[in-house]
Amino acid sequence: MRMSSLIRPVAAPRRAALGLAAAALVALAGCASVKPEGPSTSNAATAVTAQTTRAYHGRFAVQYNDQNGQQRNAYGNFQWQETGDTVSLQLRNPLGQTLAIITSSPASATLELPNRQPLTADNVSTLMQNALGFALPVEGLRYWLQPSAAPTSRAKTVTDPQQETRLKQIQQDGWTIDYIAYADAPATGVKRVNLSRDTPPLDIKLVLDQ
């Protein structure tokens, strides 16, 4: 089932709450504009901007398979604060209730869910794998939403034929990242981006508010 809207009501069982936490982690990225290179396959040496403090809020919708193989949908709002290499992210449902708080740094990661003891691990990927049964490419997403390919592996990038200073798509590490819209001037950066992966299946839609 395709997610045609970020505001379509969806049932949210307890497992979906964990899905919301996973979805929020995909928002751990900035939306500053970076001039991309033309269509290419390279080692993607572009680095994340040197800006050390970022704060964003936006909306997300996720379609994924839970640990029992059942398809789930989750959506909500996020508030993201990054200082240096440390990211703090708060997830809320559409009514404004806190669903999860994630703190990530190079040394450790913590996931807090309502009425549960905090979960900790050495990194976000390990934490998500242990808690949810799958892991999102958090470090890659921090680059992809710049937008830029991550420098850790080879990537194929395609520029927008209508405006060659903007990326249209990145294919990297099994993911396809489609840039749907950029912010209108005077604002800058990514406005809407879709991410998809075939194995295991995962589809993510993000809207970054300016």
Protein backbone atom coordinates (compact mmCIF):
# COMPACT_ATOMS: atom_id res chain seq x y z
CA MET A 1 0.00 0.00 0.00
CA ARG A 2 1.43 3.38 -1.00
CA MET A 3 1.46 6.30 1.39
CA SER A 4 -0.24 9.04 -0.64
CA SER A 5 -0.43 11.53 2.20
CA LEU A 6 1.53 12.49 5.28
CA ILE A 7 -1.66 13.34 7.14
CA ARG A 8 -3.79 10.27 6.45
CA PRO A 9 -5.01 8.70 9.74
CA VAL A 10 -3.34 5.37 10.41
CA ALA A 11 -3.81 2.95 13.27
CA ALA A 12 -0.81 2.88 15.62
CA PRO A 13 -0.46 -0.30 17.69
CA ARG A 14 2.30 -0.63 20.25
CA ARG A 15 4.67 -1.97 17.64
CA ALA A 16 3.98 1.12 15.53
CA ALA A 17 5.32 3.26 18.38
CA LEU A 18 8.67 1.58 17.88
CA GLY A 19 8.28 2.19 14.18
CA LEU A 20 7.85 5.88 14.94
CA ALA A 21 11.14 5.84 16.80
CA ALA A 22 12.83 4.31 13.80
CA ALA A 23 11.24 6.80 11.48
CA ALA A 24 12.48 9.68 13.58
CA LEU A 25 16.04 8.55 13.27
CA VAL A 26 15.86 9.15 9.58
CA ALA A 27 15.39 12.78 10.31
CA LEU A 28 18.82 13.15 11.88
CA ALA A 29 20.10 15.28 9.08
CA GLY A 30 20.35 18.91 8.05
CA CYS A 31 18.69 20.50 5.06
CA ALA A 32 21.36 23.02 4.03
CA SER A 33 21.91 23.28 0.30
CA VAL A 34 25.15 21.85 -1.09
CA LYS A 35 26.04 22.13 -4.76
CA PRO A 36 26.02 18.54 -6.11
CA GLU A 37 28.14 17.15 -8.88
CA GLY A 38 26.63 15.87 -12.12
CA PRO A 39 25.47 12.28 -12.65
CA SER A 40 28.37 10.11 -11.61
CA THR A 41 29.58 7.11 -9.69
CA SER A 42 32.37 8.08 -7.33
CA ASN A 43 33.73 7.75 -3.82
CA ALA A 44 31.56 10.70 -2.78
CA ALA A 45 34.15 12.65 -0.86
CA THR A 46 31.74 15.48 0.02
CA ALA A 47 31.60 16.11 3.77
CA VAL A 48 28.77 17.32 5.94
CA THR A 49 28.81 21.07 6.35
CA ALA A 50 31.03 22.37 9.14
CA GLN A 51 28.03 24.00 10.84
CA THR A 52 28.02 22.61 14.38
CA THR A 53 24.47 23.47 15.49
CA ARG A 54 21.25 22.64 13.63
CA ALA A 55 17.61 22.59 14.69
CA TYR A 56 14.73 21.36 12.53
CA HIS A 57 11.15 20.32 12.82
CA GLY A 58 9.00 18.52 10.32
CA ARG A 59 6.74 15.57 9.53
CA PHE A 60 7.36 11.98 8.54
CA ALA A 61 5.44 8.96 7.25
CA VAL A 62 6.89 5.46 7.21
CA GLN A 63 5.80 2.16 5.68
CA TYR A 64 7.73 -0.87 6.92
CA ASN A 65 7.42 -4.54 7.84
CA ASP A 66 7.55 -5.36 11.54
CA GLN A 67 9.45 -8.30 13.04
CA ASN A 68 6.50 -10.57 12.25
CA GLY A 69 6.52 -9.57 8.59
CA GLN A 70 3.35 -7.50 8.89
CA GLN A 71 3.19 -4.23 6.99
CA ARG A 72 2.89 -1.18 9.24
CA ASN A 73 2.40 2.53 8.70
CA ALA A 74 3.43 5.27 11.09
CA TYR A 75 3.40 9.05 10.93
CA GLY A 76 3.94 12.07 13.15
CA ASN A 77 6.07 15.13 13.84
CA PHE A 78 9.67 15.51 14.94
CA GLN A 79 11.82 18.10 16.69
CA TRP A 80 15.54 17.72 16.04
CA GLN A 81 18.51 19.43 17.71
CA GLU A 82 22.12 18.74 16.75
CA THR A 83 25.18 20.14 18.49
CA GLY A 84 28.45 18.92 17.04
CA ASP A 85 28.24 15.13 16.75
CA THR A 86 25.40 14.79 19.28
CA VAL A 87 21.80 14.65 18.12
CA SER A 88 18.69 14.85 20.27
CA LEU A 89 15.38 14.04 18.59
CA GLN A 90 11.87 14.16 20.04
CA LEU A 91 9.00 12.40 18.30
CA ARG A 92 5.40 13.42 18.79
CA ASN A 93 2.12 12.08 17.48
CA PRO A 94 -0.24 14.45 15.63
CA LEU A 95 -1.84 15.40 18.98
CA GLY A 96 1.49 16.58 20.35
CA GLN A 97 2.12 13.68 22.73
CA THR A 98 5.74 12.58 23.03
CA LEU A 99 6.30 9.12 21.56
CA ALA A 100 10.06 8.77 21.79
CA ILE A 101 13.26 10.65 22.56
CA ILE A 102 16.47 9.60 20.82
CA THR A 103 19.95 10.81 21.72
CA SER A 104 22.83 9.84 19.43
CA SER A 105 26.57 10.50 19.61
CA PRO A 106 29.66 8.72 18.25
CA ALA A 107 30.15 7.04 21.64
CA SER A 108 26.61 5.88 22.44
CA ALA A 109 22.92 6.05 21.63
CA THR A 110 19.83 6.11 23.82
CA LEU A 111 16.18 5.46 22.99
CA GLU A 112 13.50 6.48 25.50
CA LEU A 113 9.92 5.27 25.09
CA PRO A 114 6.97 6.18 27.35
CA ASN A 115 6.73 4.05 30.50
CA ARG A 116 9.82 2.01 29.64
CA GLN A 117 13.40 1.98 30.79
CA PRO A 118 15.78 3.74 28.36
CA LEU A 119 17.51 1.48 25.84
CA THR A 120 21.20 2.08 25.21
CA ALA A 121 23.83 0.80 22.78
CA ASP A 122 27.20 1.79 21.36
CA ASN A 123 25.56 3.34 18.28
CA VAL A 124 22.21 4.01 16.69
CA SER A 125 22.35 1.04 14.32
CA THR A 126 23.01 -1.45 17.12
CA LEU A 127 20.30 0.10 19.26
CA MET A 128 17.71 -0.09 16.51
CA GLN A 129 18.67 -3.62 15.53
CA ASN A 130 18.31 -4.84 19.11
CA ALA A 131 15.10 -2.95 19.81
CA LEU A 132 13.31 -3.13 16.46
CA GLY A 133 14.90 -5.94 14.51
CA PHE A 134 16.28 -3.70 11.74
CA ALA A 135 18.55 -0.69 11.43
CA LEU A 136 18.35 2.52 9.43
CA PRO A 137 21.43 4.10 7.79
CA VAL A 138 21.46 7.08 10.16
CA GLU A 139 24.95 8.25 9.27
CA GLY A 140 24.16 8.10 5.57
CA LEU A 141 21.01 10.12 6.06
CA ARG A 142 22.92 12.92 7.74
CA TYR A 143 24.65 13.44 4.41
CA TRP A 144 21.76 12.63 2.09
CA LEU A 145 19.60 15.39 3.52
CA GLN A 146 22.31 18.00 3.03
CA PRO A 147 21.87 16.92 0.14
CA SER A 148 25.06 15.00 -0.59
CA ALA A 149 26.23 11.43 -1.02
CA ALA A 150 27.91 9.97 2.05
CA PRO A 151 31.71 9.73 1.76
CA THR A 152 31.86 6.20 3.16
CA SER A 153 30.93 4.25 0.01
CA ARG A 154 30.43 4.58 -3.73
CA ALA A 155 27.28 6.36 -4.87
CA LYS A 156 25.47 7.30 -8.05
CA THR A 157 24.10 10.84 -8.14
CA VAL A 158 21.76 12.45 -10.67
CA THR A 159 21.17 16.19 -10.95
CA ASP A 160 17.85 17.82 -11.70
CA PRO A 161 17.68 18.45 -15.47
CA GLN A 162 15.66 21.59 -14.78
CA GLN A 163 18.19 22.99 -12.32
CA GLU A 164 21.61 21.37 -12.41
CA THR A 165 22.75 22.90 -9.12
CA ARG A 166 20.33 20.56 -7.32
CA LEU A 167 20.38 16.82 -6.81
CA LYS A 168 17.45 14.81 -8.13
CA GLN A 169 18.45 11.36 -6.87
CA ILE A 170 21.13 9.44 -5.00
CA GLN A 171 21.59 5.67 -5.07
CA GLN A 172 23.82 4.40 -2.30
CA ASP A 173 24.13 1.44 0.07
CA GLY A 174 20.96 -0.19 -1.28
CA TRP A 175 18.87 2.97 -0.88
CA THR A 176 17.25 5.23 -3.45
CA ILE A 177 16.88 8.82 -2.28
CA ASP A 178 14.52 10.96 -4.38
CA TYR A 179 14.47 14.70 -3.85
CA ILE A 180 10.88 15.75 -4.46
CA ALA A 181 11.04 19.46 -3.62
CA TYR A 182 13.37 22.18 -2.39
CA ALA A 183 12.41 25.19 -0.31
CA ASP A 184 11.40 28.34 -2.14
CA ALA A 185 13.66 31.39 -1.83
CA PRO A 186 14.69 33.01 0.43
CA ALA A 187 14.69 29.71 2.33
CA THR A 188 17.21 27.07 1.25
CA GLY A 189 17.60 23.32 1.49
CA VAL A 190 15.51 20.21 0.98
CA LYS A 191 11.77 20.47 1.52
CA ARG A 192 10.50 16.99 0.61
CA VAL A 193 12.47 13.77 0.19
CA ASN A 194 11.46 10.14 -0.26
CA LEU A 195 13.71 7.20 0.63
CA SER A 196 13.15 3.58 -0.31
CA ARG A 197 14.88 0.24 0.14
CA ASP A 198 13.89 -3.14 -1.29
CA THR A 199 15.44 -5.53 1.23
CA PRO A 200 14.06 -5.44 3.81
CA PRO A 201 11.33 -3.18 2.41
CA LEU A 202 11.16 0.29 3.90
CA ASP A 203 9.64 3.50 2.50
CA ILE A 204 10.06 6.88 4.15
CA LYS A 205 8.55 10.25 3.28
CA LEU A 206 9.93 13.38 4.94
CA VAL A 207 8.77 16.98 4.94
CA LEU A 208 11.17 19.50 6.48
CA ASP A 209 9.51 22.72 7.63
CA GLN A 210 11.45 25.91 7.15
